[in-house]
Amino acid sequence: MSVYGDDLRANDRCPEAFRLKRSQLTSTGDYGTVFGYVIEENNGKPEGGDGTVACFSNCGKYKFPLEPQFEPGTTNCKSPTDPTTCSNWKTFCAPTGELYGQKNCKTDADCEKHGVHAACWINPGSEVDHTCQLRAFNQAKQCAANICTFPYDYINPYTKIMDKSTQPPFGLCKDVDPSNTEALCIGDDKVHKVFPHAYSWPNDPQVYSDDAPLYRVIVAPGNTKVSITPTVEGLPLCSELPHVYGYQAAHSICSVDINNGAVRAIARVNQSWSCVLAGAGNDGVICRWK
């Protein structure tokens, strides 16, 4: 539901710290132990170039590839989670209700003592009136009405009545970290330049309208014409993967499954293959035996 033809992964859209690169998904990349579905060349580099696969939202950045965990009975992250990652995860992802929902706040300062930069939501007539709630964070103090839609104090164009119930007041990235240089907070105002007409709540990405005359799915990194993976008809043949995957050894080990009708496998660099595709297969390259 994005602006027609726009791409949040483009370099002028997505801060460097929020880009997920193809090289990070190889067996030697930052996330190769969890996700390894990018085909590697024999030199370990991603086949087809190192494009941007995704641009993270604030919450996405601090949940990927695995969500931090709390120490039992506390709201402290388990070691060795990076303190900044843990703090931002709690601020941007609202992982526990214990850090939010406190009643009878009067200002945001009453909520910040919980360490999550929540908003004191003044919402008369609501059950969440004067409670500490998760909010969106912007880079700029002012955000155009066609980008940050349905803000706090939104004036309904039909009734002309100011509405405080759409979402809590926006926060600013610099309030989370005064020295922020787009390394810790992407800003919902930046995200919504590409995905407008939606609430800016991190956990409420509803979209109500778009300007697309038709829909098509384009898999290309960073607003370029270069494919994330080479364009082929169907999944790649296991036998055509680079030799670093060790096809011959895997074929020998999997011969019984192949003879029994196995169609697809999960190939991994210098690791055991899954002779039969089971589950998502996101920790290796899905290929076909025949």
Protein backbone atom coordinates (compact mmCIF):
# COMPACT_ATOMS: atom_id res chain seq x y z
CA MET A 1 0.00 0.00 0.00
CA SER A 2 2.86 2.37 -0.78
CA VAL A 3 3.03 5.45 -2.97
CA TYR A 4 2.93 4.06 -6.48
CA GLY A 5 6.43 3.29 -7.71
CA ASP A 6 8.17 4.37 -4.50
CA ASP A 7 10.48 2.17 -2.46
CA LEU A 8 11.47 2.70 1.16
CA ARG A 9 14.65 0.69 0.55
CA ALA A 10 16.09 3.36 -1.75
CA ASN A 11 19.29 4.84 -0.36
CA ASP A 12 17.83 8.33 -0.12
CA ARG A 13 14.93 6.94 1.90
CA CYS A 14 16.46 4.49 4.32
CA PRO A 15 19.25 5.43 6.78
CA GLU A 16 22.30 3.19 6.55
CA ALA A 17 21.76 1.74 10.01
CA PHE A 18 18.25 0.56 9.07
CA ARG A 19 19.14 -1.27 5.84
CA LEU A 20 19.17 -5.05 5.74
CA LYS A 21 21.77 -5.97 3.13
CA ARG A 22 21.98 -9.23 1.19
CA SER A 23 25.52 -9.79 2.46
CA GLN A 24 24.14 -9.94 6.01
CA LEU A 25 22.05 -12.98 5.04
CA THR A 26 24.90 -15.12 3.76
CA SER A 27 26.40 -17.92 5.86
CA THR A 28 29.14 -15.56 7.10
CA GLY A 29 26.90 -12.50 7.42
CA ASP A 30 25.55 -10.91 10.59
CA TYR A 31 22.40 -13.04 10.49
CA GLY A 32 23.67 -16.11 8.65
CA THR A 33 23.15 -18.36 11.66
CA VAL A 34 19.43 -17.56 11.57
CA PHE A 35 18.68 -16.59 7.97
CA GLY A 36 20.73 -17.82 5.02
CA TYR A 37 18.44 -17.80 1.99
CA VAL A 38 20.66 -15.62 -0.25
CA ILE A 39 22.57 -17.65 -2.84
CA GLU A 40 26.31 -17.25 -2.32
CA GLU A 41 29.05 -17.28 -4.91
CA ASN A 42 32.07 -19.46 -4.27
CA ASN A 43 33.87 -16.46 -2.77
CA GLY A 44 31.16 -16.08 -0.13
CA LYS A 45 29.66 -12.94 -1.62
CA PRO A 46 25.94 -12.78 -2.49
CA GLU A 47 25.17 -13.81 -6.04
CA GLY A 48 23.71 -10.86 -7.93
CA GLY A 49 25.22 -8.09 -5.83
CA ASP A 50 24.76 -6.66 -2.37
CA GLY A 51 21.41 -4.86 -2.58
CA THR A 52 19.13 -3.70 0.21
CA VAL A 53 16.55 -6.36 0.96
CA ALA A 54 14.53 -4.37 3.50
CA CYS A 55 14.38 -1.10 5.37
CA PHE A 56 13.54 -1.70 9.01
CA SER A 57 11.00 0.20 11.02
CA ASN A 58 12.11 1.19 14.52
CA CYS A 59 10.57 -1.87 16.10
CA GLY A 60 11.74 -4.14 13.28
CA LYS A 61 15.36 -3.12 13.78
CA TYR A 62 15.36 -4.11 17.43
CA LYS A 63 13.40 -7.35 16.99
CA PHE A 64 15.51 -8.73 14.15
CA PRO A 65 16.73 -11.42 13.84
CA LEU A 66 15.60 -12.60 17.27
CA GLU A 67 13.67 -10.68 19.88
CA PRO A 68 15.50 -9.94 23.16
CA GLN A 69 14.27 -11.76 26.23
CA PHE A 70 13.62 -10.55 29.76
CA GLU A 71 15.20 -11.94 32.86
CA PRO A 72 12.44 -13.98 34.57
CA GLY A 73 10.23 -11.80 36.73
CA THR A 74 11.87 -8.54 35.63
CA THR A 75 11.78 -5.99 32.83
CA ASN A 76 15.56 -6.24 32.36
CA CYS A 77 16.94 -7.85 29.21
CA LYS A 78 19.01 -10.98 29.51
CA SER A 79 22.74 -10.63 29.00
CA PRO A 80 24.58 -10.26 26.68
CA THR A 81 21.94 -8.09 24.95
CA ASP A 82 23.40 -4.70 24.05
CA PRO A 83 21.99 -2.08 26.51
CA THR A 84 21.04 0.29 23.69
CA THR A 85 19.28 -2.48 21.78
CA CYS A 86 17.38 -3.52 24.90
CA SER A 87 16.33 0.04 25.76
CA ASN A 88 15.19 0.81 22.22
CA TRP A 89 13.36 -2.51 21.97
CA LYS A 90 11.33 -1.56 25.03
CA THR A 91 10.73 1.97 23.70
CA PHE A 92 9.76 1.11 20.12
CA CYS A 93 8.21 -2.35 20.42
CA ALA A 94 6.25 -2.27 23.70
CA PRO A 95 7.26 -5.83 24.59
CA THR A 96 5.46 -5.85 27.93
CA GLY A 97 2.42 -4.18 29.37
CA GLU A 98 4.26 -3.62 32.63
CA LEU A 99 6.14 -0.72 31.03
CA TYR A 100 2.97 0.91 29.68
CA GLY A 101 -0.55 1.66 30.79
CA GLN A 102 0.29 3.40 34.06
CA LYS A 103 -2.64 5.56 35.10
CA ASN A 104 -3.03 9.13 36.31
CA CYS A 105 -0.08 10.63 34.45
CA LYS A 106 -0.21 14.36 33.81
CA THR A 107 2.77 14.86 31.49
CA ASP A 108 5.18 12.71 29.47
CA ALA A 109 7.71 13.14 32.26
CA ASP A 110 5.49 11.01 34.48
CA CYS A 111 5.89 8.15 31.98
CA GLU A 112 9.60 8.50 31.22
CA LYS A 113 10.59 7.27 34.65
CA HIS A 114 9.74 3.81 33.32
CA GLY A 115 12.51 4.22 30.74
CA VAL A 116 10.44 3.79 27.59
CA HIS A 117 9.65 7.39 26.48
CA ALA A 118 5.92 6.70 26.50
CA ALA A 119 3.29 9.38 25.90
CA CYS A 120 0.91 10.56 28.56
CA TRP A 121 -2.23 10.22 26.47
CA ILE A 122 -4.79 12.85 27.42
CA ASN A 123 -7.85 11.24 25.87
CA PRO A 124 -11.05 12.42 27.61
CA GLY A 125 -13.82 9.86 27.86
CA SER A 126 -11.55 6.94 27.07
CA GLU A 127 -10.38 4.08 29.28
CA VAL A 128 -6.81 5.08 28.41
CA ASP A 129 -7.26 8.72 29.39
CA HIS A 130 -4.20 9.98 31.32
CA THR A 131 -2.28 6.72 30.85
CA CYS A 132 1.24 6.04 29.57
CA GLN A 133 1.08 4.58 26.06
CA LEU A 134 3.31 3.52 23.18
CA ARG A 135 3.76 6.31 20.64
CA ALA A 136 5.29 7.00 17.23
CA PHE A 137 8.56 8.93 16.91
CA ASN A 138 9.40 11.44 14.16
CA GLN A 139 12.64 13.06 13.05
CA ALA A 140 11.11 16.50 12.48
CA LYS A 141 8.89 18.56 14.77
CA GLN A 142 6.50 19.31 11.92
CA CYS A 143 5.11 16.61 9.67
CA ALA A 144 2.91 17.26 6.65
CA ALA A 145 -0.74 16.30 7.05
CA ASN A 146 -0.60 13.97 4.04
CA ILE A 147 2.32 12.05 5.59
CA CYS A 148 1.54 11.88 9.31
CA THR A 149 -2.16 11.24 9.02
CA PHE A 150 -4.66 11.00 11.90
CA PRO A 151 -2.34 12.67 14.45
CA TYR A 152 -3.27 13.62 17.99
CA ASP A 153 -5.52 16.70 17.86
CA TYR A 154 -6.58 15.68 14.35
CA ILE A 155 -9.49 17.82 13.15
CA ASN A 156 -12.13 15.72 11.45
CA PRO A 157 -12.82 17.42 8.10
CA TYR A 158 -16.48 16.46 8.23
CA THR A 159 -17.43 17.26 11.82
CA LYS A 160 -14.76 19.96 12.34
CA ILE A 161 -14.22 18.49 15.79
CA MET A 162 -10.72 18.00 17.22
CA ASP A 163 -10.05 14.33 17.95
CA LYS A 164 -7.60 13.26 20.64
CA SER A 165 -8.45 9.57 20.35
CA THR A 166 -6.78 8.65 17.04
CA GLN A 167 -3.34 8.04 18.57
CA PRO A 168 -1.06 9.49 21.28
CA PRO A 169 1.01 12.60 20.54
CA PHE A 170 4.11 11.98 18.45
CA GLY A 171 7.51 11.88 20.11
CA LEU A 172 10.83 12.91 18.57
CA CYS A 173 13.77 10.64 17.83
CA LYS A 174 16.12 13.11 19.48
CA ASP A 175 14.19 12.74 22.74
CA VAL A 176 15.06 9.05 22.76
CA ASP A 177 18.70 9.85 22.12
CA PRO A 178 19.74 13.53 21.90
CA SER A 179 22.85 12.57 19.90
CA ASN A 180 20.83 10.59 17.37
CA THR A 181 22.14 10.70 13.80
CA GLU A 182 19.51 8.38 12.31
CA ALA A 183 21.43 5.44 13.71
CA LEU A 184 18.95 4.58 16.44
CA CYS A 185 15.60 5.90 15.18
CA ILE A 186 14.38 6.08 11.59
CA GLY A 187 11.43 8.39 12.23
CA ASP A 188 7.86 7.45 11.36
CA ASP A 189 7.63 10.62 9.29
CA LYS A 190 10.29 9.18 6.97
CA VAL A 191 8.52 5.82 6.74
CA HIS A 192 5.17 7.41 5.99
CA LYS A 193 6.49 9.39 3.04
CA VAL A 194 6.28 6.04 1.29
CA PHE A 195 3.38 4.58 3.32
CA PRO A 196 0.94 7.44 3.94
CA HIS A 197 -2.71 7.34 5.00
CA ALA A 198 -2.00 5.17 8.02
CA TYR A 199 -1.75 5.50 11.74
CA SER A 200 1.86 6.06 12.79
CA TRP A 201 1.68 3.72 15.74
CA PRO A 202 4.53 1.18 15.36
CA ASN A 203 2.24 -1.73 16.18
CA ASP A 204 -0.79 -0.50 14.23
CA PRO A 205 0.17 -0.24 10.54
CA GLN A 206 -3.32 0.20 9.15
CA VAL A 207 -3.65 1.67 5.67
CA TYR A 208 -6.87 3.19 4.40
CA SER A 209 -6.11 4.43 0.90
CA ASP A 210 -3.48 4.48 -1.80
CA ASP A 211 -2.93 5.99 -5.23
CA ALA A 212 -2.03 2.83 -7.16
CA PRO A 213 -3.99 2.20 -10.38
CA LEU A 214 -2.81 -1.42 -10.28
CA TYR A 215 -0.71 -3.70 -8.11
CA ARG A 216 2.46 -5.54 -8.95
CA VAL A 217 5.16 -7.05 -6.80
CA ILE A 218 8.67 -5.97 -7.77
CA VAL A 219 11.56 -7.68 -6.03
CA ALA A 220 14.52 -5.33 -6.46
CA PRO A 221 16.97 -3.79 -3.99
CA GLY A 222 17.14 -0.11 -3.20
CA ASN A 223 14.92 1.24 -5.98
CA THR A 224 17.19 -0.17 -8.68
CA LYS A 225 16.46 -2.53 -11.55
CA VAL A 226 18.83 -5.14 -10.17
CA SER A 227 17.01 -8.22 -8.93
CA ILE A 228 17.51 -9.33 -5.33
CA THR A 229 18.20 -12.76 -6.81
CA PRO A 230 18.79 -13.74 -10.44
CA THR A 231 15.57 -14.01 -12.40
CA VAL A 232 14.92 -17.67 -13.11
CA GLU A 233 11.87 -19.75 -13.86
CA GLY A 234 11.05 -21.45 -10.60
CA LEU A 235 13.48 -22.41 -7.88
CA PRO A 236 17.13 -23.06 -8.82
CA LEU A 237 18.27 -26.59 -9.46
CA CYS A 238 20.32 -27.91 -6.56
CA SER A 239 22.91 -29.17 -9.05
CA GLU A 240 23.42 -25.65 -10.41
CA LEU A 241 24.29 -23.99 -7.11
CA PRO A 242 27.93 -22.85 -6.72
CA HIS A 243 30.28 -25.65 -5.64
CA VAL A 244 30.65 -24.10 -2.17
CA TYR A 245 27.29 -25.73 -1.36
CA GLY A 246 28.69 -29.23 -1.92
CA TYR A 247 25.96 -30.62 -4.12
CA GLN A 248 27.57 -33.99 -4.87
CA ALA A 249 28.01 -34.89 -1.20
CA ALA A 250 24.50 -33.72 -0.37
CA HIS A 251 23.02 -35.69 -3.28
CA SER A 252 24.72 -38.84 -2.05
CA ILE A 253 23.49 -38.37 1.52
CA CYS A 254 19.96 -37.56 0.34
CA SER A 255 19.74 -40.30 -2.29
CA VAL A 256 17.13 -42.33 -0.36
CA ASP A 257 14.84 -39.31 0.01
CA ILE A 258 15.33 -38.38 -3.65
CA ASN A 259 14.46 -41.90 -4.77
CA ASN A 260 11.38 -41.75 -2.54
CA GLY A 261 10.16 -38.66 -4.34
CA ALA A 262 11.73 -35.68 -2.56
CA VAL A 263 11.17 -32.60 -4.71
CA ARG A 264 12.89 -29.73 -2.87
CA ALA A 265 15.77 -29.37 -0.45
CA ILE A 266 17.34 -26.68 1.72
CA ALA A 267 20.95 -26.15 0.72
CA ARG A 268 23.45 -24.68 3.19
CA VAL A 269 27.02 -23.58 2.70
CA ASN A 270 29.45 -26.05 4.30
CA GLN A 271 26.63 -27.53 6.37
CA SER A 272 24.25 -30.45 6.24
CA TRP A 273 21.36 -30.02 3.82
CA SER A 274 17.73 -30.74 4.56
CA CYS A 275 16.97 -33.46 2.05
CA VAL A 276 13.26 -32.65 2.13
CA LEU A 277 11.84 -29.14 2.40
CA ALA A 278 10.13 -28.76 5.77
CA GLY A 279 9.10 -25.49 7.37
CA ALA A 280 10.03 -22.08 6.03
CA GLY A 281 13.50 -23.00 4.87
CA ASN A 282 14.74 -19.52 5.72
CA ASP A 283 18.09 -20.70 7.08
CA GLY A 284 19.28 -21.86 3.67
CA VAL A 285 18.60 -21.77 -0.06
CA ILE A 286 15.56 -23.68 -1.28
CA CYS A 287 16.38 -25.61 -4.43
CA ARG A 288 14.83 -28.45 -6.46
CA TRP A 289 16.42 -31.85 -7.02
CA LYS A 290 15.07 -32.31 -10.55
